[in-house]
Amino acid sequence: MAKKIEIVNNGNGIDARGYNKTESWNEKNVKDLSSLYYKVLGLIGEDPEREGLKGTPVRVAKALYFLTMGYSMNPCQIINSAKFKEEYQQMVLVKDIDIYSMCEHHMLPFFGKAHVAYIPNGHITGLSKIARVVEAFSRRLQVQERLTTQIRDCIQECLDPVGVAVVIEAQHMCMQIRGIQKQNSVTTTSAFTGIFLDNIRTREEFVHLIGTRLH
């Protein structure tokens, strides 16, 4: 029988395992933003003073800062924090990276998967750093097209590989719950540099690998 582990927090954000979870906010910004959301609730016909909504403006303000935390991240710095000399010269692919972003036109979510590959040119980076670069750019107000090229350009500029390939597949709430309301639509964007542009066999290998389930 598996032993149940009870997590006890000591009130300082540290649980029984020694894990320290810290969430910090700019209190003035949260206060200013929550006052705007308080007005929004009234403008849409709600009563911001009713029990269920009393804490909502602050919660939404904090949620928005979390969803746009990419503005405080430096993607190239992320790559350089784990950059190593390595003579590996084959494709490195990190696929099925979850993305959650917000459309800058309606501030509604879009979400899906990013597939990122590069061929090293004397240097590699930690695999998790690829996912963190995706996170840094996706946690901003975005359009999928720009997000795709930003990830590509960052890896190309900061790692200087032989080539980079990025494909993103996403569903957009601005298409699914408003406007045209096409719930099953999926948008795919791609961006390539170097050998992925010049060598069709390399590009085909990448496309084949992202469509293959090996696990």
Protein backbone atom coordinates (compact mmCIF):
# COMPACT_ATOMS: atom_id res chain seq x y z
CA MET A 1 0.00 0.00 0.00
CA ALA A 2 1.38 3.38 -0.98
CA LYS A 3 2.18 5.67 1.88
CA LYS A 4 0.22 8.90 1.86
CA ILE A 5 2.38 12.01 2.08
CA GLU A 6 0.80 14.92 3.85
CA ILE A 7 2.10 18.30 2.79
CA VAL A 8 2.20 20.81 5.60
CA ASN A 9 2.96 24.46 4.95
CA ASN A 10 4.63 26.41 7.73
CA GLY A 11 3.04 29.68 6.65
CA ASN A 12 6.17 30.99 4.97
CA GLY A 13 5.59 29.25 1.65
CA ILE A 14 7.76 26.26 2.65
CA ASP A 15 6.12 22.84 2.89
CA ALA A 16 7.28 19.72 4.76
CA ARG A 17 9.56 18.71 1.88
CA GLY A 18 11.43 22.01 1.98
CA TYR A 19 9.86 23.25 -1.25
CA ASN A 20 9.57 27.02 -1.32
CA LYS A 21 6.85 28.44 -3.54
CA THR A 22 7.08 32.20 -3.90
CA GLU A 23 4.67 34.39 -5.81
CA SER A 24 5.50 38.07 -5.93
CA TRP A 25 3.47 40.93 -7.34
CA ASN A 26 3.86 44.63 -7.85
CA GLU A 27 1.20 45.64 -5.36
CA LYS A 28 0.60 49.06 -6.90
CA ASN A 29 0.12 47.58 -10.38
CA VAL A 30 -2.22 44.90 -9.03
CA LYS A 31 -4.23 47.53 -7.17
CA ASP A 32 -4.49 49.78 -10.23
CA LEU A 33 -5.42 46.91 -12.54
CA SER A 34 -7.95 45.43 -10.11
CA SER A 35 -9.72 48.79 -9.87
CA LEU A 36 -10.16 48.71 -13.64
CA TYR A 37 -11.60 45.19 -13.51
CA TYR A 38 -13.95 46.35 -10.73
CA LYS A 39 -15.32 48.92 -13.19
CA VAL A 40 -15.50 46.32 -15.97
CA LEU A 41 -17.75 44.11 -13.82
CA GLY A 42 -20.15 46.99 -13.38
CA LEU A 43 -20.07 47.90 -17.07
CA ILE A 44 -21.12 44.40 -18.13
CA GLY A 45 -24.10 44.50 -15.77
CA GLU A 46 -22.68 42.65 -12.75
CA ASP A 47 -22.58 43.70 -9.12
CA PRO A 48 -18.88 43.76 -8.15
CA GLU A 49 -19.89 43.88 -4.49
CA ARG A 50 -21.79 40.60 -4.45
CA GLU A 51 -20.16 37.80 -2.47
CA GLY A 52 -18.86 35.73 -5.36
CA LEU A 53 -17.19 38.69 -7.06
CA LYS A 54 -15.66 40.58 -4.14
CA GLY A 55 -12.19 39.16 -4.69
CA THR A 56 -12.47 38.72 -8.44
CA PRO A 57 -10.80 41.97 -9.60
CA VAL A 58 -7.63 41.19 -7.62
CA ARG A 59 -7.61 37.56 -8.74
CA VAL A 60 -8.01 38.55 -12.39
CA ALA A 61 -5.25 41.15 -12.09
CA LYS A 62 -2.84 38.57 -10.66
CA ALA A 63 -3.90 36.00 -13.26
CA LEU A 64 -3.18 38.47 -16.07
CA TYR A 65 0.31 39.13 -14.73
CA PHE A 66 0.92 35.39 -14.58
CA LEU A 67 -0.35 34.87 -18.13
CA THR A 68 1.94 37.64 -19.42
CA MET A 69 5.01 36.89 -17.30
CA GLY A 70 7.05 36.40 -20.48
CA TYR A 71 7.66 40.15 -20.61
CA SER A 72 9.99 39.78 -17.62
CA MET A 73 11.96 36.92 -19.20
CA ASN A 74 15.07 37.22 -21.38
CA PRO A 75 14.94 34.28 -23.84
CA CYS A 76 18.55 34.58 -25.03
CA GLN A 77 19.72 34.70 -21.42
CA ILE A 78 17.78 31.50 -20.83
CA ILE A 79 19.68 29.74 -23.63
CA ASN A 80 23.05 31.09 -22.53
CA SER A 81 22.48 29.92 -18.96
CA ALA A 82 22.98 26.34 -20.17
CA LYS A 83 25.14 26.60 -23.30
CA PHE A 84 27.76 23.90 -23.77
CA LYS A 85 30.44 23.05 -26.31
CA GLU A 86 29.52 19.81 -28.04
CA GLU A 87 30.46 18.28 -31.39
CA TYR A 88 27.06 16.65 -31.94
CA GLN A 89 25.97 17.53 -35.48
CA GLN A 90 22.59 15.82 -35.87
CA MET A 91 19.10 17.14 -35.30
CA VAL A 92 17.97 17.99 -31.78
CA LEU A 93 14.18 18.00 -31.59
CA VAL A 94 11.96 18.93 -28.67
CA LYS A 95 8.36 18.38 -29.70
CA ASP A 96 4.90 18.60 -28.16
CA ILE A 97 5.84 21.59 -25.99
CA ASP A 98 2.61 22.91 -24.48
CA ILE A 99 1.94 26.55 -25.28
CA TYR A 100 -0.60 28.85 -23.66
CA SER A 101 -0.77 32.38 -24.98
CA MET A 102 -3.20 35.25 -25.45
CA CYS A 103 -4.30 36.70 -28.76
CA GLU A 104 -3.41 40.39 -28.81
CA HIS A 105 -6.50 41.26 -30.84
CA HIS A 106 -9.13 40.05 -28.36
CA MET A 107 -7.03 39.02 -25.33
CA LEU A 108 -8.51 35.54 -25.52
CA PRO A 109 -6.38 32.42 -25.08
CA PHE A 110 -4.85 30.28 -27.78
CA PHE A 111 -3.15 27.03 -26.92
CA GLY A 112 -1.53 24.03 -28.53
CA LYS A 113 1.88 22.47 -29.19
CA ALA A 114 5.22 23.76 -30.37
CA HIS A 115 7.82 21.57 -32.10
CA VAL A 116 11.35 22.99 -32.13
CA ALA A 117 14.47 21.55 -33.73
CA TYR A 118 18.00 22.73 -34.40
CA ILE A 119 21.23 21.26 -35.73
CA PRO A 120 24.18 22.31 -33.54
CA ASN A 121 27.21 24.12 -34.82
CA GLY A 122 29.63 23.49 -31.95
CA HIS A 123 27.24 24.37 -29.12
CA ILE A 124 24.10 22.87 -27.59
CA THR A 125 21.75 24.13 -24.91
CA GLY A 126 19.86 22.34 -22.15
CA LEU A 127 16.71 20.69 -23.47
CA SER A 128 14.53 22.42 -20.89
CA LYS A 129 15.86 25.77 -22.12
CA ILE A 130 14.13 25.22 -25.47
CA ALA A 131 10.82 24.81 -23.66
CA ARG A 132 11.58 27.87 -21.53
CA VAL A 133 12.22 29.98 -24.63
CA VAL A 134 8.82 28.89 -25.96
CA GLU A 135 7.30 29.85 -22.60
CA ALA A 136 9.03 33.25 -22.53
CA PHE A 137 7.59 34.28 -25.89
CA SER A 138 4.17 32.63 -25.51
CA ARG A 139 3.43 34.24 -22.13
CA ARG A 140 2.86 37.59 -23.82
CA LEU A 141 0.15 39.16 -25.93
CA GLN A 142 0.82 37.43 -29.23
CA VAL A 143 -0.17 36.39 -32.69
CA GLN A 144 0.82 32.86 -33.62
CA GLU A 145 2.78 33.96 -36.67
CA ARG A 146 5.05 36.26 -34.66
CA LEU A 147 5.43 33.72 -31.86
CA THR A 148 6.72 31.17 -34.35
CA THR A 149 9.36 33.47 -35.84
CA GLN A 150 10.44 34.85 -32.45
CA ILE A 151 11.26 31.35 -31.19
CA ARG A 152 13.15 30.59 -34.41
CA ASP A 153 15.12 33.83 -34.42
CA CYS A 154 16.05 33.60 -30.74
CA ILE A 155 17.55 30.13 -31.09
CA GLN A 156 19.33 31.08 -34.31
CA GLU A 157 20.82 34.27 -32.91
CA CYS A 158 21.78 32.97 -29.46
CA LEU A 159 23.00 29.47 -30.33
CA ASP A 160 24.18 30.01 -33.94
CA PRO A 161 23.22 26.52 -35.13
CA VAL A 162 23.35 25.15 -38.69
CA GLY A 163 19.59 25.64 -38.85
CA VAL A 164 16.39 25.97 -36.81
CA ALA A 165 12.89 24.63 -37.44
CA VAL A 166 9.74 25.64 -35.55
CA VAL A 167 6.17 24.44 -36.08
CA ILE A 168 3.25 25.51 -33.90
CA GLU A 169 -0.25 23.98 -33.94
CA ALA A 170 -2.83 25.90 -31.93
CA GLN A 171 -6.50 26.43 -31.29
CA HIS A 172 -7.71 30.01 -30.90
CA MET A 173 -10.58 30.90 -28.61
CA CYS A 174 -11.21 34.05 -30.66
CA MET A 175 -12.24 31.69 -33.49
CA GLN A 176 -13.98 29.08 -31.37
CA ILE A 177 -16.14 30.95 -28.85
CA ARG A 178 -16.83 34.22 -30.70
CA GLY A 179 -16.98 35.48 -34.25
CA ILE A 180 -16.96 32.60 -36.72
CA GLN A 181 -17.30 30.00 -33.89
CA LYS A 182 -15.52 27.12 -35.64
CA GLN A 183 -14.72 24.89 -32.66
CA ASN A 184 -12.55 22.35 -34.47
CA SER A 185 -10.26 24.71 -36.35
CA VAL A 186 -6.50 24.37 -35.82
CA THR A 187 -3.91 26.86 -37.07
CA THR A 188 -0.44 25.66 -38.09
CA THR A 189 2.53 27.97 -38.58
CA SER A 190 6.14 27.17 -39.44
CA ALA A 191 9.47 28.98 -39.64
CA PHE A 192 12.88 27.71 -40.76
CA THR A 193 16.47 28.87 -41.08
CA GLY A 194 19.66 27.47 -42.57
CA ILE A 195 19.72 23.83 -43.56
CA PHE A 196 15.99 23.42 -42.89
CA LEU A 197 15.38 25.95 -45.66
CA ASP A 198 18.08 24.78 -48.06
CA ASN A 199 17.89 21.00 -47.70
CA ILE A 200 14.52 19.43 -48.42
CA ARG A 201 15.57 16.05 -46.96
CA THR A 202 16.42 17.66 -43.61
CA ARG A 203 13.10 19.49 -43.59
CA GLU A 204 11.23 16.30 -44.48
CA GLU A 205 12.98 14.43 -41.66
CA PHE A 206 11.83 17.11 -39.23
CA VAL A 207 8.24 16.98 -40.49
CA HIS A 208 8.30 13.16 -40.31
CA LEU A 209 9.61 13.15 -36.74
CA ILE A 210 7.05 15.61 -35.37
CA GLY A 211 4.29 13.47 -36.85
CA THR A 212 5.66 10.19 -35.47
CA ARG A 213 4.87 8.75 -32.07
CA LEU A 214 8.02 7.05 -30.76
CA HIS A 215 6.92 6.87 -27.12
